[in-house]
């Protein structure tokens, strides 16, 4: 079901918000959007089968602001919800906003004008993250992406940005996209409930010919109980393993051997972290079930094929050890988690 806003003309920016059971956080997200000082926007909220009060909150906001379009659909995951919003969008530029996050009040104005100035396929910007596990929010001291003022001088292809950043700029919300670029290149999220951000990122960056950066923290990202990124459940880990085939398939889009190797290494590191998530399970049955799926989906073999660094050689050595010395693998995996937890929210 689609309830359409009455838009007099083509808006300049479409903000797409997938919504699923976020009644506690949704008002803060929507307030940050409807109160933007840049008014020429359309807001496409996609209710992905919420079972809490989220849908009613969306209807209330829609009644107060005719820039909001509400799509109500069955629950199929964030990726397909975003795809529905992208297809509905009418503007020249797109912003993707998670419904438990929010924007700075002048974010759209700054990003829109920078896009007009630079004519990028994709404009990367920055953000701040905070943990929302108690009454007091705990804010990170650093910007979300490890980029600075000097990176504003870089206008390059997406592949060159992948090399420059090590691929560690995958969050889809901290970018403004040229909508025609997305449509002409058939860029979509995968139909998985985890790992869809990685797939979308590589599809975009592999095809983008002009990518820029503005050193501006306009996106506020919340880490909370129950969100996808903080979900360490068996189901979520299984889904990440199953979705790796989509991520790995992006290598087929790259003709350059240099960039094939670079992206292959990045995918191999991600695959290694998934192995760590499997191995650190306390429940033996859960661990064995995850590792069995890991093998069945050929993630270990992918690492073997793309172990181009000494770190990947070490990771592959421990991953490929026989089950008879499983305690050593567990100890190694827990060490990796301890060393890298501050660098990867996946752990």
C-alpha atoms as a PDB file:
ATOM      1  CA  UNK A   1       0.000   0.000   0.000  1.00  0.00           C
ATOM      2  CA  UNK A   2       1.297   3.442  -0.934  1.00  0.00           C
ATOM      3  CA  UNK A   3       0.037   6.728   0.474  1.00  0.00           C
ATOM      4  CA  UNK A   4       1.461   9.490  -1.702  1.00  0.00           C
ATOM      5  CA  UNK A   5       2.295  13.009  -0.664  1.00  0.00           C
ATOM      6  CA  UNK A   6       1.017  15.903  -2.766  1.00  0.00           C
ATOM      7  CA  UNK A   7       4.194  17.180  -4.393  1.00  0.00           C
ATOM      8  CA  UNK A   8       3.842  20.228  -6.645  1.00  0.00           C
ATOM      9  CA  UNK A   9       7.092  19.675  -8.523  1.00  0.00           C
ATOM     10  CA  UNK A  10      10.080  17.408  -8.640  1.00  0.00           C
ATOM     11  CA  UNK A  11      11.841  17.725  -5.270  1.00  0.00           C
ATOM     12  CA  UNK A  12      15.586  18.300  -5.126  1.00  0.00           C
ATOM     13  CA  UNK A  13      16.367  15.530  -2.610  1.00  0.00           C
ATOM     14  CA  UNK A  14      14.611  12.292  -1.650  1.00  0.00           C
ATOM     15  CA  UNK A  15      15.264  10.927   1.850  1.00  0.00           C
ATOM     16  CA  UNK A  16      14.489   7.216   2.096  1.00  0.00           C
ATOM     17  CA  UNK A  17      13.803   5.742   5.538  1.00  0.00           C
ATOM     18  CA  UNK A  18      13.179   1.995   6.004  1.00  0.00           C
ATOM     19  CA  UNK A  19      11.199   1.406   9.200  1.00  0.00           C
ATOM     20  CA  UNK A  20      10.855  -1.750  11.271  1.00  0.00           C
ATOM     21  CA  UNK A  21       9.855  -1.803  14.953  1.00  0.00           C
ATOM     22  CA  UNK A  22      11.583   1.415  16.018  1.00  0.00           C
ATOM     23  CA  UNK A  23       8.767   3.153  17.904  1.00  0.00           C
ATOM     24  CA  UNK A  24      11.222   4.291  20.589  1.00  0.00           C
ATOM     25  CA  UNK A  25      13.520   6.105  18.121  1.00  0.00           C
ATOM     26  CA  UNK A  26      11.357   6.984  15.114  1.00  0.00           C
ATOM     27  CA  UNK A  27      10.165  10.420  16.231  1.00  0.00           C
ATOM     28  CA  UNK A  28      13.732  11.673  16.676  1.00  0.00           C
ATOM     29  CA  UNK A  29      14.596  10.435  13.194  1.00  0.00           C
ATOM     30  CA  UNK A  30      11.540  12.010  11.549  1.00  0.00           C
ATOM     31  CA  UNK A  31      11.913  15.289  13.460  1.00  0.00           C
ATOM     32  CA  UNK A  32      15.461  15.628  12.157  1.00  0.00           C
ATOM     33  CA  UNK A  33      14.160  15.288   8.590  1.00  0.00           C
ATOM     34  CA  UNK A  34      10.976  17.388   8.610  1.00  0.00           C
ATOM     35  CA  UNK A  35      12.858  20.198  10.406  1.00  0.00           C
ATOM     36  CA  UNK A  36      15.694  20.435   7.891  1.00  0.00           C
ATOM     37  CA  UNK A  37      16.417  24.044   6.966  1.00  0.00           C
ATOM     38  CA  UNK A  38      16.448  22.864   3.318  1.00  0.00           C
ATOM     39  CA  UNK A  39      12.745  22.430   2.571  1.00  0.00           C
ATOM     40  CA  UNK A  40      12.683  21.118  -1.020  1.00  0.00           C
ATOM     41  CA  UNK A  41      12.688  17.441  -0.103  1.00  0.00           C
ATOM     42  CA  UNK A  42      10.472  14.403  -0.297  1.00  0.00           C
ATOM     43  CA  UNK A  43      10.503  11.913   2.555  1.00  0.00           C
ATOM     44  CA  UNK A  44       9.808   8.291   1.613  1.00  0.00           C
ATOM     45  CA  UNK A  45       9.147   6.160   4.683  1.00  0.00           C
ATOM     46  CA  UNK A  46       8.910   2.431   4.025  1.00  0.00           C
ATOM     47  CA  UNK A  47       7.145   0.515   6.777  1.00  0.00           C
ATOM     48  CA  UNK A  48       8.637  -2.979   6.519  1.00  0.00           C
ATOM     49  CA  UNK A  49       5.880  -4.874   8.307  1.00  0.00           C
ATOM     50  CA  UNK A  50       6.368  -3.309  11.743  1.00  0.00           C
ATOM     51  CA  UNK A  51       4.471  -4.996  14.576  1.00  0.00           C
ATOM     52  CA  UNK A  52       4.863  -2.176  17.112  1.00  0.00           C
ATOM     53  CA  UNK A  53       3.502   1.386  16.940  1.00  0.00           C
ATOM     54  CA  UNK A  54       5.886   2.528  14.166  1.00  0.00           C
ATOM     55  CA  UNK A  55       3.230   2.522  11.438  1.00  0.00           C
ATOM     56  CA  UNK A  56       0.889   4.731  13.479  1.00  0.00           C
ATOM     57  CA  UNK A  57       3.732   7.165  14.202  1.00  0.00           C
ATOM     58  CA  UNK A  58       4.429   7.378  10.470  1.00  0.00           C
ATOM     59  CA  UNK A  59       0.770   8.108   9.730  1.00  0.00           C
ATOM     60  CA  UNK A  60       0.735  10.858  12.347  1.00  0.00           C
ATOM     61  CA  UNK A  61       3.739  12.560  10.787  1.00  0.00           C
ATOM     62  CA  UNK A  62       2.303  12.123   7.308  1.00  0.00           C
ATOM     63  CA  UNK A  63      -0.836  13.927   8.443  1.00  0.00           C
ATOM     64  CA  UNK A  64       1.262  16.914   9.507  1.00  0.00           C
ATOM     65  CA  UNK A  65       3.704  17.083   6.573  1.00  0.00           C
ATOM     66  CA  UNK A  66       2.628  16.541   2.971  1.00  0.00           C
ATOM     67  CA  UNK A  67       6.222  15.930   1.862  1.00  0.00           C
ATOM     68  CA  UNK A  68       6.011  12.432   3.345  1.00  0.00           C
ATOM     69  CA  UNK A  69       5.141   9.401   1.212  1.00  0.00           C
ATOM     70  CA  UNK A  70       4.378   6.211   3.131  1.00  0.00           C
ATOM     71  CA  UNK A  71       4.916   2.755   1.638  1.00  0.00           C
ATOM     72  CA  UNK A  72       3.450  -0.068   3.727  1.00  0.00           C
ATOM     73  CA  UNK A  73       4.750  -3.538   2.842  1.00  0.00           C
ATOM     74  CA  UNK A  74       5.293  -6.956   4.339  1.00  0.00           C
ATOM     75  CA  UNK A  75       8.515  -7.587   6.241  1.00  0.00           C
ATOM     76  CA  UNK A  76      11.297  -8.520   3.802  1.00  0.00           C
ATOM     77  CA  UNK A  77      14.336  -6.786   5.291  1.00  0.00           C
ATOM     78  CA  UNK A  78      15.996  -3.392   5.146  1.00  0.00           C
ATOM     79  CA  UNK A  79      17.534  -3.892   1.706  1.00  0.00           C
ATOM     80  CA  UNK A  80      14.267  -4.528  -0.124  1.00  0.00           C
ATOM     81  CA  UNK A  81      12.606  -1.706   1.817  1.00  0.00           C
ATOM     82  CA  UNK A  82      15.296   0.698   0.599  1.00  0.00           C
ATOM     83  CA  UNK A  83      14.888  -0.604  -2.960  1.00  0.00           C
ATOM     84  CA  UNK A  84      11.160   0.177  -2.809  1.00  0.00           C
ATOM     85  CA  UNK A  85      11.949   3.701  -1.655  1.00  0.00           C
ATOM     86  CA  UNK A  86      14.538   4.255  -4.377  1.00  0.00           C
ATOM     87  CA  UNK A  87      12.069   3.151  -7.049  1.00  0.00           C
ATOM     88  CA  UNK A  88       9.484   5.604  -5.704  1.00  0.00           C
ATOM     89  CA  UNK A  89      11.887   8.557  -5.498  1.00  0.00           C
ATOM     90  CA  UNK A  90      11.468  11.463  -7.929  1.00  0.00           C
ATOM     91  CA  UNK A  91      14.359  13.753  -7.065  1.00  0.00           C
ATOM     92  CA  UNK A  92      17.802  14.288  -8.544  1.00  0.00           C
ATOM     93  CA  UNK A  93      19.614  13.222  -5.360  1.00  0.00           C
ATOM     94  CA  UNK A  94      19.075  10.484  -2.772  1.00  0.00           C
ATOM     95  CA  UNK A  95      19.851  10.172   0.928  1.00  0.00           C
ATOM     96  CA  UNK A  96      19.414   6.911   2.851  1.00  0.00           C
ATOM     97  CA  UNK A  97      18.615   7.245   6.555  1.00  0.00           C
ATOM     98  CA  UNK A  98      18.088   4.421   9.032  1.00  0.00           C
ATOM     99  CA  UNK A  99      15.024   4.944  11.202  1.00  0.00           C
ATOM    100  CA  UNK A 100      16.939   4.780  14.494  1.00  0.00           C
ATOM    101  CA  UNK A 101      19.503   7.346  13.304  1.00  0.00           C
ATOM    102  CA  UNK A 102      19.068  11.051  12.572  1.00  0.00           C
ATOM    103  CA  UNK A 103      20.531  13.979  10.629  1.00  0.00           C
ATOM    104  CA  UNK A 104      22.023  17.324  11.624  1.00  0.00           C
ATOM    105  CA  UNK A 105      19.498  20.112  10.972  1.00  0.00           C
ATOM    106  CA  UNK A 106      21.486  21.584   8.057  1.00  0.00           C
ATOM    107  CA  UNK A 107      22.721  18.312   6.540  1.00  0.00           C
ATOM    108  CA  UNK A 108      20.600  18.299   3.380  1.00  0.00           C
ATOM    109  CA  UNK A 109      21.395  21.943   2.581  1.00  0.00           C
ATOM    110  CA  UNK A 110      25.159  21.427   2.862  1.00  0.00           C
ATOM    111  CA  UNK A 111      25.177  18.150   0.934  1.00  0.00           C
ATOM    112  CA  UNK A 112      22.846  19.337  -1.832  1.00  0.00           C
ATOM    113  CA  UNK A 113      24.945  22.419  -2.554  1.00  0.00           C
ATOM    114  CA  UNK A 114      28.139  20.363  -2.529  1.00  0.00           C
ATOM    115  CA  UNK A 115      26.617  17.944  -5.036  1.00  0.00           C
ATOM    116  CA  UNK A 116      25.650  20.828  -7.318  1.00  0.00           C
ATOM    117  CA  UNK A 117      29.180  22.181  -7.051  1.00  0.00           C
ATOM    118  CA  UNK A 118      31.027  18.908  -7.674  1.00  0.00           C
ATOM    119  CA  UNK A 119      28.651  16.916  -9.943  1.00  0.00           C
ATOM    120  CA  UNK A 120      29.573  13.625  -8.242  1.00  0.00           C
ATOM    121  CA  UNK A 121      27.939  10.245  -8.708  1.00  0.00           C
ATOM    122  CA  UNK A 122      28.402   9.787  -4.959  1.00  0.00           C
ATOM    123  CA  UNK A 123      29.314  12.334  -2.279  1.00  0.00           C
ATOM    124  CA  UNK A 124      30.691  10.798   0.903  1.00  0.00           C
ATOM    125  CA  UNK A 125      30.220  12.696   4.148  1.00  0.00           C
ATOM    126  CA  UNK A 126      30.929  11.864   7.754  1.00  0.00           C
ATOM    127  CA  UNK A 127      29.076  11.259  10.971  1.00  0.00           C
ATOM    128  CA  UNK A 128      29.278  10.586  14.659  1.00  0.00           C
ATOM    129  CA  UNK A 129      28.146   7.439  16.424  1.00  0.00           C
ATOM    130  CA  UNK A 130      26.861   6.895  19.915  1.00  0.00           C
ATOM    131  CA  UNK A 131      25.875   3.977  22.130  1.00  0.00           C
ATOM    132  CA  UNK A 132      22.310   4.119  23.401  1.00  0.00           C
ATOM    133  CA  UNK A 133      22.184   1.289  25.914  1.00  0.00           C
ATOM    134  CA  UNK A 134      21.234   3.339  28.984  1.00  0.00           C
ATOM    135  CA  UNK A 135      19.798   6.726  29.963  1.00  0.00           C
ATOM    136  CA  UNK A 136      22.981   8.538  28.985  1.00  0.00           C
ATOM    137  CA  UNK A 137      24.283   8.390  25.424  1.00  0.00           C
ATOM    138  CA  UNK A 138      27.966   7.595  25.038  1.00  0.00           C
ATOM    139  CA  UNK A 139      29.352   9.485  22.046  1.00  0.00           C
ATOM    140  CA  UNK A 140      32.426   8.445  20.104  1.00  0.00           C
ATOM    141  CA  UNK A 141      35.297  10.917  20.183  1.00  0.00           C
ATOM    142  CA  UNK A 142      36.181  10.291  16.542  1.00  0.00           C
ATOM    143  CA  UNK A 143      34.370  10.734  13.244  1.00  0.00           C
ATOM    144  CA  UNK A 144      32.661   7.625  11.905  1.00  0.00           C
ATOM    145  CA  UNK A 145      34.912   7.419   8.833  1.00  0.00           C
ATOM    146  CA  UNK A 146      38.666   7.797   9.198  1.00  0.00           C
ATOM    147  CA  UNK A 147      38.779  10.693   6.742  1.00  0.00           C
ATOM    148  CA  UNK A 148      39.834  14.324   7.213  1.00  0.00           C
ATOM    149  CA  UNK A 149      39.949  17.738   5.550  1.00  0.00           C
ATOM    150  CA  UNK A 150      42.684  16.657   3.133  1.00  0.00           C
ATOM    151  CA  UNK A 151      40.371  14.044   1.610  1.00  0.00           C
ATOM    152  CA  UNK A 152      38.099  16.816   0.318  1.00  0.00           C
ATOM    153  CA  UNK A 153      40.628  17.378  -2.461  1.00  0.00           C
ATOM    154  CA  UNK A 154      40.107  13.864  -3.834  1.00  0.00           C
ATOM    155  CA  UNK A 155      37.734  13.427  -6.782  1.00  0.00           C
ATOM    156  CA  UNK A 156      38.281   9.945  -8.113  1.00  0.00           C
ATOM    157  CA  UNK A 157      36.581   6.779  -9.277  1.00  0.00           C
ATOM    158  CA  UNK A 158      34.883   4.535  -6.770  1.00  0.00           C
ATOM    159  CA  UNK A 159      37.589   1.926  -7.287  1.00  0.00           C
ATOM    160  CA  UNK A 160      40.251   4.469  -6.354  1.00  0.00           C
ATOM    161  CA  UNK A 161      38.292   5.355  -3.216  1.00  0.00           C
ATOM    162  CA  UNK A 162      38.072   1.662  -2.306  1.00  0.00           C
ATOM    163  CA  UNK A 163      41.862   1.521  -2.524  1.00  0.00           C
ATOM    164  CA  UNK A 164      42.316   4.807  -0.639  1.00  0.00           C
ATOM    165  CA  UNK A 165      40.090   3.828   2.304  1.00  0.00           C
ATOM    166  CA  UNK A 166      40.568   0.070   2.432  1.00  0.00           C
ATOM    167  CA  UNK A 167      36.834  -0.221   1.794  1.00  0.00           C
ATOM    168  CA  UNK A 168      36.069   1.008   5.322  1.00  0.00           C
ATOM    169  CA  UNK A 169      33.407   3.531   4.236  1.00  0.00           C
ATOM    170  CA  UNK A 170      30.553   1.106   3.702  1.00  0.00           C
ATOM    171  CA  UNK A 171      27.752   2.703   5.735  1.00  0.00           C
ATOM    172  CA  UNK A 172      25.173   3.605   3.021  1.00  0.00           C
ATOM    173  CA  UNK A 173      23.636   6.497   4.949  1.00  0.00           C
ATOM    174  CA  UNK A 174      26.688   8.725   4.960  1.00  0.00           C
ATOM    175  CA  UNK A 175      26.526   9.393   1.241  1.00  0.00           C
ATOM    176  CA  UNK A 176      24.430  11.439  -1.115  1.00  0.00           C
ATOM    177  CA  UNK A 177      23.755   9.675  -4.415  1.00  0.00           C
ATOM    178  CA  UNK A 178      22.915  10.949  -7.856  1.00  0.00           C
ATOM    179  CA  UNK A 179      19.639   9.128  -8.509  1.00  0.00           C
ATOM    180  CA  UNK A 180      20.256   8.754 -12.260  1.00  0.00           C
ATOM    181  CA  UNK A 181      23.577   7.070 -11.500  1.00  0.00           C
ATOM    182  CA  UNK A 182      21.784   4.524  -9.286  1.00  0.00           C
ATOM    183  CA  UNK A 183      19.045   3.837 -11.846  1.00  0.00           C
ATOM    184  CA  UNK A 184      21.240   3.726 -14.947  1.00  0.00           C
ATOM    185  CA  UNK A 185      23.586   1.207 -13.309  1.00  0.00           C
ATOM    186  CA  UNK A 186      20.767  -0.936 -11.854  1.00  0.00           C
ATOM    187  CA  UNK A 187      22.238  -0.635  -8.371  1.00  0.00           C
ATOM    188  CA  UNK A 188      20.075  -2.327  -5.741  1.00  0.00           C
ATOM    189  CA  UNK A 189      20.415  -3.840  -2.290  1.00  0.00           C
ATOM    190  CA  UNK A 190      20.428  -7.617  -2.047  1.00  0.00           C
ATOM    191  CA  UNK A 191      17.367  -9.442  -0.705  1.00  0.00           C
ATOM    192  CA  UNK A 192      19.204 -10.604   2.429  1.00  0.00           C
ATOM    193  CA  UNK A 193      18.540  -9.365   5.962  1.00  0.00           C
ATOM    194  CA  UNK A 194      22.249  -8.957   6.779  1.00  0.00           C
ATOM    195  CA  UNK A 195      25.273  -7.983   4.692  1.00  0.00           C
ATOM    196  CA  UNK A 196      23.183  -6.006   2.203  1.00  0.00           C
ATOM    197  CA  UNK A 197      25.102  -2.792   2.942  1.00  0.00           C
ATOM    198  CA  UNK A 198      28.421  -4.343   1.850  1.00  0.00           C
ATOM    199  CA  UNK A 199      26.943  -5.565  -1.426  1.00  0.00           C
ATOM    200  CA  UNK A 200      25.354  -2.192  -2.231  1.00  0.00           C
ATOM    201  CA  UNK A 201      28.575  -0.341  -1.375  1.00  0.00           C
ATOM    202  CA  UNK A 202      30.721  -2.370  -3.767  1.00  0.00           C
ATOM    203  CA  UNK A 203      28.137  -2.203  -6.562  1.00  0.00           C
ATOM    204  CA  UNK A 204      28.085   1.592  -6.264  1.00  0.00           C
ATOM    205  CA  UNK A 205      31.798   2.154  -5.936  1.00  0.00           C
ATOM    206  CA  UNK A 206      32.828  -0.242  -8.701  1.00  0.00           C
ATOM    207  CA  UNK A 207      30.590   1.622 -11.160  1.00  0.00           C
ATOM    208  CA  UNK A 208      31.064   5.204  -9.947  1.00  0.00           C
ATOM    209  CA  UNK A 209      33.304   7.404 -12.092  1.00  0.00           C
ATOM    210  CA  UNK A 210      33.289  10.484  -9.855  1.00  0.00           C
ATOM    211  CA  UNK A 211      33.230  10.223  -6.064  1.00  0.00           C
ATOM    212  CA  UNK A 212      34.008  13.073  -3.668  1.00  0.00           C
ATOM    213  CA  UNK A 213      34.087  13.755   0.059  1.00  0.00           C
ATOM    214  CA  UNK A 214      33.001  16.611   2.294  1.00  0.00           C
ATOM    215  CA  UNK A 215      34.463  16.706   5.781  1.00  0.00           C
ATOM    216  CA  UNK A 216      31.167  17.283   7.523  1.00  0.00           C
ATOM    217  CA  UNK A 217      29.620  15.167  10.293  1.00  0.00           C
ATOM    218  CA  UNK A 218      25.945  15.383   9.358  1.00  0.00           C
ATOM    219  CA  UNK A 219      24.800  11.868  10.253  1.00  0.00           C
ATOM    220  CA  UNK A 220      24.276  10.586  13.815  1.00  0.00           C
ATOM    221  CA  UNK A 221      24.394   6.806  14.084  1.00  0.00           C
ATOM    222  CA  UNK A 222      22.885   4.989  17.037  1.00  0.00           C
ATOM    223  CA  UNK A 223      24.089   1.650  18.394  1.00  0.00           C
ATOM    224  CA  UNK A 224      21.322   0.046  20.407  1.00  0.00           C
ATOM    225  CA  UNK A 225      20.107  -3.342  21.583  1.00  0.00           C
ATOM    226  CA  UNK A 226      18.319  -5.274  18.855  1.00  0.00           C
ATOM    227  CA  UNK A 227      19.672  -3.434  15.809  1.00  0.00           C
ATOM    228  CA  UNK A 228      21.123  -5.399  12.895  1.00  0.00           C
ATOM    229  CA  UNK A 229      24.670  -4.169  13.409  1.00  0.00           C
ATOM    230  CA  UNK A 230      24.684  -5.113  17.107  1.00  0.00           C
ATOM    231  CA  UNK A 231      22.851  -8.398  16.561  1.00  0.00           C
ATOM    232  CA  UNK A 232      25.268 -11.261  17.275  1.00  0.00           C
ATOM    233  CA  UNK A 233      22.547 -13.936  17.173  1.00  0.00           C
ATOM    234  CA  UNK A 234      22.932 -17.269  15.423  1.00  0.00           C
ATOM    235  CA  UNK A 235      20.304 -16.232  12.865  1.00  0.00           C
ATOM    236  CA  UNK A 236      22.082 -12.982  12.004  1.00  0.00           C
ATOM    237  CA  UNK A 237      25.465 -14.669  11.653  1.00  0.00           C
ATOM    238  CA  UNK A 238      23.933 -17.388   9.456  1.00  0.00           C
ATOM    239  CA  UNK A 239      22.379 -14.708   7.250  1.00  0.00           C
ATOM    240  CA  UNK A 240      25.710 -12.895   6.908  1.00  0.00           C
ATOM    241  CA  UNK A 241      27.366 -16.152   5.852  1.00  0.00           C
ATOM    242  CA  UNK A 242      24.589 -16.909   3.362  1.00  0.00           C
ATOM    243  CA  UNK A 243      24.773 -13.397   1.898  1.00  0.00           C
ATOM    244  CA  UNK A 244      28.516 -13.569   1.281  1.00  0.00           C
ATOM    245  CA  UNK A 245      27.866 -15.010  -2.188  1.00  0.00           C
ATOM    246  CA  UNK A 246      26.379 -11.644  -3.198  1.00  0.00           C
ATOM    247  CA  UNK A 247      29.365  -9.737  -1.855  1.00  0.00           C
ATOM    248  CA  UNK A 248      31.840 -12.090  -3.536  1.00  0.00           C
ATOM    249  CA  UNK A 249      29.981 -11.744  -6.842  1.00  0.00           C
ATOM    250  CA  UNK A 250      30.979  -8.073  -7.077  1.00  0.00           C
ATOM    251  CA  UNK A 251      34.464  -9.230  -8.093  1.00  0.00           C
ATOM    252  CA  UNK A 252      32.967 -10.307 -11.431  1.00  0.00           C
ATOM    253  CA  UNK A 253      32.261  -6.637 -12.200  1.00  0.00           C
ATOM    254  CA  UNK A 254      35.932  -5.660 -11.969  1.00  0.00           C
ATOM    255  CA  UNK A 255      38.159  -6.079 -15.025  1.00  0.00           C
ATOM    256  CA  UNK A 256      41.368  -4.609 -13.573  1.00  0.00           C
ATOM    257  CA  UNK A 257      43.601  -7.221 -11.938  1.00  0.00           C
ATOM    258  CA  UNK A 258      44.882  -4.598  -9.501  1.00  0.00           C
ATOM    259  CA  UNK A 259      41.432  -3.729  -8.191  1.00  0.00           C
ATOM    260  CA  UNK A 260      40.280  -7.350  -8.296  1.00  0.00           C
ATOM    261  CA  UNK A 261      43.111  -8.154  -5.871  1.00  0.00           C
ATOM    262  CA  UNK A 262      42.307  -5.164  -3.653  1.00  0.00           C
ATOM    263  CA  UNK A 263      38.611  -5.981  -3.389  1.00  0.00           C
ATOM    264  CA  UNK A 264      39.305  -9.707  -3.064  1.00  0.00           C
ATOM    265  CA  UNK A 265      41.486  -8.989  -0.025  1.00  0.00           C
ATOM    266  CA  UNK A 266      38.769  -6.828   1.538  1.00  0.00           C
ATOM    267  CA  UNK A 267      36.173  -9.556   1.045  1.00  0.00           C
ATOM    268  CA  UNK A 268      38.603 -12.114   2.492  1.00  0.00           C
ATOM    269  CA  UNK A 269      39.064 -10.044   5.662  1.00  0.00           C
ATOM    270  CA  UNK A 270      35.288  -9.799   6.030  1.00  0.00           C
ATOM    271  CA  UNK A 271      34.983 -13.554   5.535  1.00  0.00           C
ATOM    272  CA  UNK A 272      37.644 -14.057   8.233  1.00  0.00           C
ATOM    273  CA  UNK A 273      35.656 -11.952  10.697  1.00  0.00           C
ATOM    274  CA  UNK A 274      32.613 -14.117  10.009  1.00  0.00           C
ATOM    275  CA  UNK A 275      34.718 -17.160  10.943  1.00  0.00           C
ATOM    276  CA  UNK A 276      35.634 -15.425  14.208  1.00  0.00           C
ATOM    277  CA  UNK A 277      31.928 -14.850  14.905  1.00  0.00           C
ATOM    278  CA  UNK A 278      31.328 -18.577  14.412  1.00  0.00           C
ATOM    279  CA  UNK A 279      34.279 -19.753  16.471  1.00  0.00           C
ATOM    280  CA  UNK A 280      33.723 -17.615  19.597  1.00  0.00           C
ATOM    281  CA  UNK A 281      30.332 -19.200  20.330  1.00  0.00           C
ATOM    282  CA  UNK A 282      30.127 -20.796  23.761  1.00  0.00           C
ATOM    283  CA  UNK A 283      27.481 -23.302  22.735  1.00  0.00           C
ATOM    284  CA  UNK A 284      29.195 -26.182  20.917  1.00  0.00           C
ATOM    285  CA  UNK A 285      26.150 -27.080  18.814  1.00  0.00           C
ATOM    286  CA  UNK A 286      25.700 -23.481  17.687  1.00  0.00           C
ATOM    287  CA  UNK A 287      29.383 -23.212  16.824  1.00  0.00           C
ATOM    288  CA  UNK A 288      29.393 -26.433  14.838  1.00  0.00           C
ATOM    289  CA  UNK A 289      26.230 -25.466  12.938  1.00  0.00           C
ATOM    290  CA  UNK A 290      27.677 -22.091  11.975  1.00  0.00           C
ATOM    291  CA  UNK A 291      31.023 -23.562  10.945  1.00  0.00           C
ATOM    292  CA  UNK A 292      29.288 -26.205   8.861  1.00  0.00           C
ATOM    293  CA  UNK A 293      27.410 -23.487   6.987  1.00  0.00           C
ATOM    294  CA  UNK A 294      30.624 -21.474   6.680  1.00  0.00           C
ATOM    295  CA  UNK A 295      32.265 -24.414   4.906  1.00  0.00           C
ATOM    296  CA  UNK A 296      29.200 -25.156   2.781  1.00  0.00           C
ATOM    297  CA  UNK A 297      29.160 -21.557   1.496  1.00  0.00           C
ATOM    298  CA  UNK A 298      32.851 -21.814   0.517  1.00  0.00           C
ATOM    299  CA  UNK A 299      34.049 -18.868   2.634  1.00  0.00           C
ATOM    300  CA  UNK A 300      37.223 -20.703   3.698  1.00  0.00           C
ATOM    301  CA  UNK A 301      38.055 -21.442   0.088  1.00  0.00           C
ATOM    302  CA  UNK A 302      37.521 -17.779  -0.794  1.00  0.00           C
ATOM    303  CA  UNK A 303      40.140 -16.774   1.780  1.00  0.00           C
ATOM    304  CA  UNK A 304      42.559 -19.360   0.393  1.00  0.00           C
ATOM    305  CA  UNK A 305      42.203 -17.872  -3.085  1.00  0.00           C
ATOM    306  CA  UNK A 306      42.669 -14.258  -1.940  1.00  0.00           C
ATOM    307  CA  UNK A 307      45.278 -14.477   0.841  1.00  0.00           C
ATOM    308  CA  UNK A 308      47.491 -11.755  -0.600  1.00  0.00           C
ATOM    309  CA  UNK A 309      48.846 -10.443   2.717  1.00  0.00           C
ATOM    310  CA  UNK A 310      50.703 -12.015   5.617  1.00  0.00           C
ATOM    311  CA  UNK A 311      47.702 -11.306   7.876  1.00  0.00           C
ATOM    312  CA  UNK A 312      45.429 -13.318   5.605  1.00  0.00           C
ATOM    313  CA  UNK A 313      47.981 -16.137   5.469  1.00  0.00           C
ATOM    314  CA  UNK A 314      47.925 -16.308   9.282  1.00  0.00           C
ATOM    315  CA  UNK A 315      44.131 -16.154   9.395  1.00  0.00           C
ATOM    316  CA  UNK A 316      43.826 -18.892   6.795  1.00  0.00           C
ATOM    317  CA  UNK A 317      46.345 -21.060   8.681  1.00  0.00           C
ATOM    318  CA  UNK A 318      44.184 -21.043  11.828  1.00  0.00           C
ATOM    319  CA  UNK A 319      40.893 -21.302   9.936  1.00  0.00           C
ATOM    320  CA  UNK A 320      42.088 -24.395   8.077  1.00  0.00           C
ATOM    321  CA  UNK A 321      43.378 -26.277  11.142  1.00  0.00           C
ATOM    322  CA  UNK A 322      41.754 -29.686  11.785  1.00  0.00           C
ATOM    323  CA  UNK A 323      38.927 -29.999  14.303  1.00  0.00           C
ATOM    324  CA  UNK A 324      41.175 -32.034  16.594  1.00  0.00           C
ATOM    325  CA  UNK A 325      42.882 -28.834  17.723  1.00  0.00           C
ATOM    326  CA  UNK A 326      39.726 -26.768  17.990  1.00  0.00           C
ATOM    327  CA  UNK A 327      40.748 -25.250  21.382  1.00  0.00           C
ATOM    328  CA  UNK A 328      43.660 -23.491  19.655  1.00  0.00           C
ATOM    329  CA  UNK A 329      41.292 -22.084  17.021  1.00  0.00           C
ATOM    330  CA  UNK A 330      38.926 -20.833  19.720  1.00  0.00           C
ATOM    331  CA  UNK A 331      41.767 -19.150  21.586  1.00  0.00           C
ATOM    332  CA  UNK A 332      42.971 -17.495  18.368  1.00  0.00           C
ATOM    333  CA  UNK A 333      39.453 -16.322  17.440  1.00  0.00           C
ATOM    334  CA  UNK A 334      38.891 -14.799  20.874  1.00  0.00           C
ATOM    335  CA  UNK A 335      42.234 -13.033  20.609  1.00  0.00           C
ATOM    336  CA  UNK A 336      41.221 -11.579  17.247  1.00  0.00           C
ATOM    337  CA  UNK A 337      37.938 -10.388  18.756  1.00  0.00           C
ATOM    338  CA  UNK A 338      39.795  -8.693  21.620  1.00  0.00           C
ATOM    339  CA  UNK A 339      42.281  -6.995  19.293  1.00  0.00           C
ATOM    340  CA  UNK A 340      39.820  -5.859  16.624  1.00  0.00           C
ATOM    341  CA  UNK A 341      36.565  -5.202  18.509  1.00  0.00           C
ATOM    342  CA  UNK A 342      37.248  -1.466  18.635  1.00  0.00           C
ATOM    343  CA  UNK A 343      37.770  -1.440  14.824  1.00  0.00           C
ATOM    344  CA  UNK A 344      34.829  -3.597  13.773  1.00  0.00           C
ATOM    345  CA  UNK A 345      31.261  -3.376  15.061  1.00  0.00           C
ATOM    346  CA  UNK A 346      30.729  -6.816  13.550  1.00  0.00           C
ATOM    347  CA  UNK A 347      32.613  -8.260  16.521  1.00  0.00           C
END
